[in-house]
Amino acid sequence: TTYADSVKGRFTISRDNAKKTVYLQ
């Protein structure tokens, strides 16, 4: 995964491929 420097350590991206869904915590 890739993050902008400004959000590293604070944001987390994840995927649920079965649901065709991506999340951003």
PDB file of all heavy atoms in Angstrom:
ATOM      1  N   THR A   1       0.834  -1.188   0.000  1.00  0.00           N
ATOM      2  CA  THR A   1       0.000   0.000   0.000  1.00  0.00           C
ATOM      3  C   THR A   1       0.874   1.245   0.000  1.00  0.00           C
ATOM      4  O   THR A   1       2.047   1.210   0.376  1.00  0.00           O
ATOM      5  CB  THR A   1      -0.926   0.016   1.215  1.00  0.00           C
ATOM      6  OG1 THR A   1      -0.143  -0.115   2.412  1.00  0.00           O
ATOM      7  CG2 THR A   1      -1.915  -1.140   1.151  1.00  0.00           C
ATOM      8  N   THR A   2       0.288   2.347  -0.411  1.00  0.00           N
ATOM      9  CA  THR A   2       1.003   3.608  -0.519  1.00  0.00           C
ATOM     10  C   THR A   2       0.227   4.701   0.200  1.00  0.00           C
ATOM     11  O   THR A   2      -1.000   4.751   0.115  1.00  0.00           O
ATOM     12  CB  THR A   2       1.196   3.998  -1.993  1.00  0.00           C
ATOM     13  OG1 THR A   2       1.928   2.972  -2.668  1.00  0.00           O
ATOM     14  CG2 THR A   2       1.966   5.312  -2.108  1.00  0.00           C
ATOM     15  N   TYR A   3       0.949   5.578   0.887  1.00  0.00           N
ATOM     16  CA  TYR A   3       0.336   6.677   1.614  1.00  0.00           C
ATOM     17  C   TYR A   3       1.043   7.980   1.300  1.00  0.00           C
ATOM     18  O   TYR A   3       2.262   8.016   1.092  1.00  0.00           O
ATOM     19  CB  TYR A   3       0.389   6.455   3.125  1.00  0.00           C
ATOM     20  CG  TYR A   3      -0.386   5.260   3.612  1.00  0.00           C
ATOM     21  CD1 TYR A   3       0.231   4.027   3.753  1.00  0.00           C
ATOM     22  CD2 TYR A   3      -1.734   5.370   3.940  1.00  0.00           C
ATOM     23  CE1 TYR A   3      -0.480   2.920   4.201  1.00  0.00           C
ATOM     24  CE2 TYR A   3      -2.451   4.270   4.386  1.00  0.00           C
ATOM     25  CZ  TYR A   3      -1.822   3.054   4.517  1.00  0.00           C
ATOM     26  OH  TYR A   3      -2.531   1.966   4.964  1.00  0.00           O
ATOM     27  N   ALA A   4       0.284   9.048   1.299  1.00  0.00           N
ATOM     28  CA  ALA A   4       0.888  10.366   1.239  1.00  0.00           C
ATOM     29  C   ALA A   4       1.671  10.600   2.522  1.00  0.00           C
ATOM     30  O   ALA A   4       1.290  10.132   3.596  1.00  0.00           O
ATOM     31  CB  ALA A   4      -0.186  11.435   1.072  1.00  0.00           C
ATOM     32  N   ASP A   5       2.766  11.332   2.411  1.00  0.00           N
ATOM     33  CA  ASP A   5       3.595  11.587   3.584  1.00  0.00           C
ATOM     34  C   ASP A   5       2.805  12.254   4.711  1.00  0.00           C
ATOM     35  O   ASP A   5       3.059  12.003   5.892  1.00  0.00           O
ATOM     36  CB  ASP A   5       4.790  12.465   3.210  1.00  0.00           C
ATOM     37  CG  ASP A   5       5.815  11.723   2.380  1.00  0.00           C
ATOM     38  OD1 ASP A   5       5.821  10.479   2.394  1.00  0.00           O
ATOM     39  OD2 ASP A   5       6.623  12.400   1.711  1.00  0.00           O
ATOM     40  N   SER A   6       1.856  13.082   4.352  1.00  0.00           N
ATOM     41  CA  SER A   6       1.106  13.834   5.338  1.00  0.00           C
ATOM     42  C   SER A   6       0.175  12.975   6.196  1.00  0.00           C
ATOM     43  O   SER A   6      -0.281  13.430   7.245  1.00  0.00           O
ATOM     44  CB  SER A   6       0.289  14.932   4.649  1.00  0.00           C
ATOM     45  OG  SER A   6      -0.622  14.377   3.716  1.00  0.00           O
ATOM     46  N   VAL A   7      -0.114  11.745   5.761  1.00  0.00           N
ATOM     47  CA  VAL A   7      -1.044  10.903   6.505  1.00  0.00           C
ATOM     48  C   VAL A   7      -0.412   9.633   7.041  1.00  0.00           C
ATOM     49  O   VAL A   7      -1.081   8.858   7.741  1.00  0.00           O
ATOM     50  CB  VAL A   7      -2.276  10.536   5.654  1.00  0.00           C
ATOM     51  CG1 VAL A   7      -2.931  11.790   5.086  1.00  0.00           C
ATOM     52  CG2 VAL A   7      -1.902   9.572   4.536  1.00  0.00           C
ATOM     53  N   LYS A   8       0.843   9.403   6.751  1.00  0.00           N
ATOM     54  CA  LYS A   8       1.513   8.195   7.226  1.00  0.00           C
ATOM     55  C   LYS A   8       1.486   8.123   8.743  1.00  0.00           C
ATOM     56  O   LYS A   8       1.754   9.099   9.434  1.00  0.00           O
ATOM     57  CB  LYS A   8       2.956   8.157   6.728  1.00  0.00           C
ATOM     58  CG  LYS A   8       3.100   7.856   5.253  1.00  0.00           C
ATOM     59  CD  LYS A   8       4.558   7.800   4.832  1.00  0.00           C
ATOM     60  CE  LYS A   8       4.700   7.465   3.359  1.00  0.00           C
ATOM     61  NZ  LYS A   8       6.114   7.470   2.925  1.00  0.00           N
ATOM     62  N   GLY A   9       1.152   6.946   9.241  1.00  0.00           N
ATOM     63  CA  GLY A   9       1.065   6.741  10.671  1.00  0.00           C
ATOM     64  C   GLY A   9      -0.270   7.095  11.260  1.00  0.00           C
ATOM     65  O   GLY A   9      -0.548   6.759  12.420  1.00  0.00           O
ATOM     66  N   ARG A  10      -1.133   7.761  10.496  1.00  0.00           N
ATOM     67  CA  ARG A  10      -2.447   8.161  10.985  1.00  0.00           C
ATOM     68  C   ARG A  10      -3.590   7.492  10.230  1.00  0.00           C
ATOM     69  O   ARG A  10      -4.617   7.187  10.817  1.00  0.00           O
ATOM     70  CB  ARG A  10      -2.610   9.685  10.893  1.00  0.00           C
ATOM     71  CG  ARG A  10      -1.590  10.462  11.708  1.00  0.00           C
ATOM     72  CD  ARG A  10      -1.910  11.953  11.733  1.00  0.00           C
ATOM     73  NE  ARG A  10      -1.852  12.549  10.401  1.00  0.00           N
ATOM     74  CZ  ARG A  10      -2.898  13.109   9.780  1.00  0.00           C
ATOM     75  NH1 ARG A  10      -4.082  13.148  10.394  1.00  0.00           N
ATOM     76  NH2 ARG A  10      -2.752  13.637   8.574  1.00  0.00           N
ATOM     77  N   PHE A  11      -3.407   7.286   8.935  1.00  0.00           N
ATOM     78  CA  PHE A  11      -4.439   6.686   8.099  1.00  0.00           C
ATOM     79  C   PHE A  11      -4.048   5.259   7.732  1.00  0.00           C
ATOM     80  O   PHE A  11      -2.861   4.952   7.568  1.00  0.00           O
ATOM     81  CB  PHE A  11      -4.628   7.472   6.804  1.00  0.00           C
ATOM     82  CG  PHE A  11      -5.242   8.837   6.969  1.00  0.00           C
ATOM     83  CD1 PHE A  11      -5.421   9.412   8.226  1.00  0.00           C
ATOM     84  CD2 PHE A  11      -5.644   9.552   5.850  1.00  0.00           C
ATOM     85  CE1 PHE A  11      -5.981  10.674   8.369  1.00  0.00           C
ATOM     86  CE2 PHE A  11      -6.207  10.809   5.980  1.00  0.00           C
ATOM     87  CZ  PHE A  11      -6.377  11.372   7.234  1.00  0.00           C
ATOM     88  N   THR A  12      -5.053   4.410   7.565  1.00  0.00           N
ATOM     89  CA  THR A  12      -4.834   3.040   7.146  1.00  0.00           C
ATOM     90  C   THR A  12      -5.842   2.662   6.078  1.00  0.00           C
ATOM     91  O   THR A  12      -7.048   2.816   6.279  1.00  0.00           O
ATOM     92  CB  THR A  12      -4.956   2.051   8.320  1.00  0.00           C
ATOM     93  OG1 THR A  12      -4.021   2.406   9.346  1.00  0.00           O
ATOM     94  CG2 THR A  12      -4.660   0.634   7.853  1.00  0.00           C
ATOM     95  N   ILE A  13      -5.355   2.173   4.957  1.00  0.00           N
ATOM     96  CA  ILE A  13      -6.233   1.718   3.888  1.00  0.00           C
ATOM     97  C   ILE A  13      -6.300   0.196   3.919  1.00  0.00           C
ATOM     98  O   ILE A  13      -5.304  -0.475   4.193  1.00  0.00           O
ATOM     99  CB  ILE A  13      -5.751   2.221   2.509  1.00  0.00           C
ATOM    100  CG1 ILE A  13      -6.785   1.903   1.427  1.00  0.00           C
ATOM    101  CG2 ILE A  13      -4.391   1.642   2.146  1.00  0.00           C
ATOM    102  CD1 ILE A  13      -6.485   2.563   0.082  1.00  0.00           C
ATOM    103  N   SER A  14      -7.469  -0.341   3.659  1.00  0.00           N
ATOM    104  CA  SER A  14      -7.644  -1.784   3.629  1.00  0.00           C
ATOM    105  C   SER A  14      -8.715  -2.146   2.612  1.00  0.00           C
ATOM    106  O   SER A  14      -9.543  -1.310   2.239  1.00  0.00           O
ATOM    107  CB  SER A  14      -8.016  -2.332   5.014  1.00  0.00           C
ATOM    108  OG  SER A  14      -9.230  -1.758   5.477  1.00  0.00           O
ATOM    109  N   ARG A  15      -8.687  -3.389   2.172  1.00  0.00           N
ATOM    110  CA  ARG A  15      -9.635  -3.854   1.173  1.00  0.00           C
ATOM    111  C   ARG A  15     -10.320  -5.126   1.616  1.00  0.00           C
ATOM    112  O   ARG A  15      -9.728  -5.985   2.269  1.00  0.00           O
ATOM    113  CB  ARG A  15      -8.926  -4.123  -0.167  1.00  0.00           C
ATOM    114  CG  ARG A  15      -8.405  -2.905  -0.873  1.00  0.00           C
ATOM    115  CD  ARG A  15      -7.614  -3.263  -2.125  1.00  0.00           C
ATOM    116  NE  ARG A  15      -8.384  -4.027  -3.099  1.00  0.00           N
ATOM    117  CZ  ARG A  15      -8.025  -4.212  -4.363  1.00  0.00           C
ATOM    118  NH1 ARG A  15      -6.900  -3.665  -4.810  1.00  0.00           N
ATOM    119  NH2 ARG A  15      -8.767  -4.947  -5.170  1.00  0.00           N
ATOM    120  N   ASP A  16     -11.569  -5.238   1.239  1.00  0.00           N
ATOM    121  CA  ASP A  16     -12.320  -6.476   1.370  1.00  0.00           C
ATOM    122  C   ASP A  16     -12.718  -6.846  -0.047  1.00  0.00           C
ATOM    123  O   ASP A  16     -13.718  -6.360  -0.574  1.00  0.00           O
ATOM    124  CB  ASP A  16     -13.544  -6.295   2.262  1.00  0.00           C
ATOM    125  CG  ASP A  16     -14.269  -7.602   2.516  1.00  0.00           C
ATOM    126  OD1 ASP A  16     -14.223  -8.505   1.667  1.00  0.00           O
ATOM    127  OD2 ASP A  16     -14.901  -7.726   3.590  1.00  0.00           O
ATOM    128  N   ASN A  17     -11.926  -7.676  -0.668  1.00  0.00           N
ATOM    129  CA  ASN A  17     -12.143  -7.984  -2.074  1.00  0.00           C
ATOM    130  C   ASN A  17     -13.461  -8.706  -2.334  1.00  0.00           C
ATOM    131  O   ASN A  17     -14.079  -8.519  -3.381  1.00  0.00           O
ATOM    132  CB  ASN A  17     -10.976  -8.813  -2.610  1.00  0.00           C
ATOM    133  CG  ASN A  17      -9.688  -8.016  -2.685  1.00  0.00           C
ATOM    134  OD1 ASN A  17      -9.696  -6.820  -2.977  1.00  0.00           O
ATOM    135  ND2 ASN A  17      -8.566  -8.678  -2.426  1.00  0.00           N
ATOM    136  N   ALA A  18     -13.873  -9.530  -1.393  1.00  0.00           N
ATOM    137  CA  ALA A  18     -15.132 -10.241  -1.559  1.00  0.00           C
ATOM    138  C   ALA A  18     -16.306  -9.272  -1.634  1.00  0.00           C
ATOM    139  O   ALA A  18     -17.284  -9.513  -2.346  1.00  0.00           O
ATOM    140  CB  ALA A  18     -15.341 -11.243  -0.431  1.00  0.00           C
ATOM    141  N   LYS A  19     -16.222  -8.178  -0.885  1.00  0.00           N
ATOM    142  CA  LYS A  19     -17.275  -7.172  -0.875  1.00  0.00           C
ATOM    143  C   LYS A  19     -17.017  -6.045  -1.868  1.00  0.00           C
ATOM    144  O   LYS A  19     -17.841  -5.137  -1.975  1.00  0.00           O
ATOM    145  CB  LYS A  19     -17.429  -6.585   0.527  1.00  0.00           C
ATOM    146  CG  LYS A  19     -17.872  -7.580   1.578  1.00  0.00           C
ATOM    147  CD  LYS A  19     -18.024  -6.895   2.930  1.00  0.00           C
ATOM    148  CE  LYS A  19     -18.500  -7.870   3.986  1.00  0.00           C
ATOM    149  NZ  LYS A  19     -18.650  -7.229   5.315  1.00  0.00           N
ATOM    150  N   LYS A  20     -15.885  -6.099  -2.565  1.00  0.00           N
ATOM    151  CA  LYS A  20     -15.488  -5.042  -3.498  1.00  0.00           C
ATOM    152  C   LYS A  20     -15.511  -3.693  -2.794  1.00  0.00           C
ATOM    153  O   LYS A  20     -16.013  -2.692  -3.317  1.00  0.00           O
ATOM    154  CB  LYS A  20     -16.399  -5.032  -4.731  1.00  0.00           C
ATOM    155  CG  LYS A  20     -16.324  -6.300  -5.557  1.00  0.00           C
ATOM    156  CD  LYS A  20     -17.217  -6.207  -6.792  1.00  0.00           C
ATOM    157  CE  LYS A  20     -17.109  -7.444  -7.666  1.00  0.00           C
ATOM    158  NZ  LYS A  20     -17.596  -8.659  -6.969  1.00  0.00           N
ATOM    159  N   THR A  21     -14.942  -3.665  -1.616  1.00  0.00           N
ATOM    160  CA  THR A  21     -14.971  -2.485  -0.769  1.00  0.00           C
ATOM    161  C   THR A  21     -13.568  -2.114  -0.306  1.00  0.00           C
ATOM    162  O   THR A  21     -12.763  -2.987   0.010  1.00  0.00           O
ATOM    163  CB  THR A  21     -15.870  -2.724   0.452  1.00  0.00           C
ATOM    164  OG1 THR A  21     -17.212  -2.960   0.020  1.00  0.00           O
ATOM    165  CG2 THR A  21     -15.857  -1.527   1.387  1.00  0.00           C
ATOM    166  N   VAL A  22     -13.303  -0.828  -0.258  1.00  0.00           N
ATOM    167  CA  VAL A  22     -12.060  -0.309   0.289  1.00  0.00           C
ATOM    168  C   VAL A  22     -12.401   0.645   1.422  1.00  0.00           C
ATOM    169  O   VAL A  22     -13.385   1.390   1.345  1.00  0.00           O
ATOM    170  CB  VAL A  22     -11.208   0.385  -0.801  1.00  0.00           C
ATOM    171  CG1 VAL A  22     -11.929   1.593  -1.387  1.00  0.00           C
ATOM    172  CG2 VAL A  22      -9.846   0.781  -0.242  1.00  0.00           C
ATOM    173  N   TYR A  23     -11.601   0.616   2.467  1.00  0.00           N
ATOM    174  CA  TYR A  23     -11.827   1.443   3.637  1.00  0.00           C
ATOM    175  C   TYR A  23     -10.642   2.377   3.852  1.00  0.00           C
ATOM    176  O   TYR A  23      -9.514   2.087   3.458  1.00  0.00           O
ATOM    177  CB  TYR A  23     -12.001   0.589   4.892  1.00  0.00           C
ATOM    178  CG  TYR A  23     -13.083  -0.455   4.790  1.00  0.00           C
ATOM    179  CD1 TYR A  23     -12.779  -1.758   4.400  1.00  0.00           C
ATOM    180  CD2 TYR A  23     -14.404  -0.149   5.094  1.00  0.00           C
ATOM    181  CE1 TYR A  23     -13.761  -2.726   4.310  1.00  0.00           C
ATOM    182  CE2 TYR A  23     -15.394  -1.107   5.008  1.00  0.00           C
ATOM    183  CZ  TYR A  23     -15.067  -2.395   4.618  1.00  0.00           C
ATOM    184  OH  TYR A  23     -16.059  -3.349   4.532  1.00  0.00           O
ATOM    185  N   LEU A  24     -10.918   3.480   4.504  1.00  0.00           N
ATOM    186  CA  LEU A  24      -9.866   4.387   4.928  1.00  0.00           C
ATOM    187  C   LEU A  24     -10.132   4.745   6.382  1.00  0.00           C
ATOM    188  O   LEU A  24     -11.057   5.503   6.676  1.00  0.00           O
ATOM    189  CB  LEU A  24      -9.817   5.651   4.067  1.00  0.00           C
ATOM    190  CG  LEU A  24      -8.662   6.600   4.381  1.00  0.00           C
ATOM    191  CD1 LEU A  24      -7.321   5.955   4.023  1.00  0.00           C
ATOM    192  CD2 LEU A  24      -8.822   7.921   3.633  1.00  0.00           C
ATOM    193  N   GLN A  25      -9.345   4.172   7.273  1.00  0.00           N
ATOM    194  CA  GLN A  25      -9.436   4.501   8.686  1.00  0.00           C
ATOM    195  C   GLN A  25      -8.559   5.715   8.947  1.00  0.00           C
ATOM    196  O   GLN A  25      -7.353   5.670   8.718  1.00  0.00           O
ATOM    197  CB  GLN A  25      -8.977   3.320   9.544  1.00  0.00           C
ATOM    198  CG  GLN A  25      -9.013   3.585  11.037  1.00  0.00           C
ATOM    199  CD  GLN A  25     -10.412   3.797  11.561  1.00  0.00           C
ATOM    200  OE1 GLN A  25     -11.308   3.015  11.253  1.00  0.00           O
ATOM    201  NE2 GLN A  25     -10.606   4.845  12.354  1.00  0.00           N
TER     202      GLN A  25
END
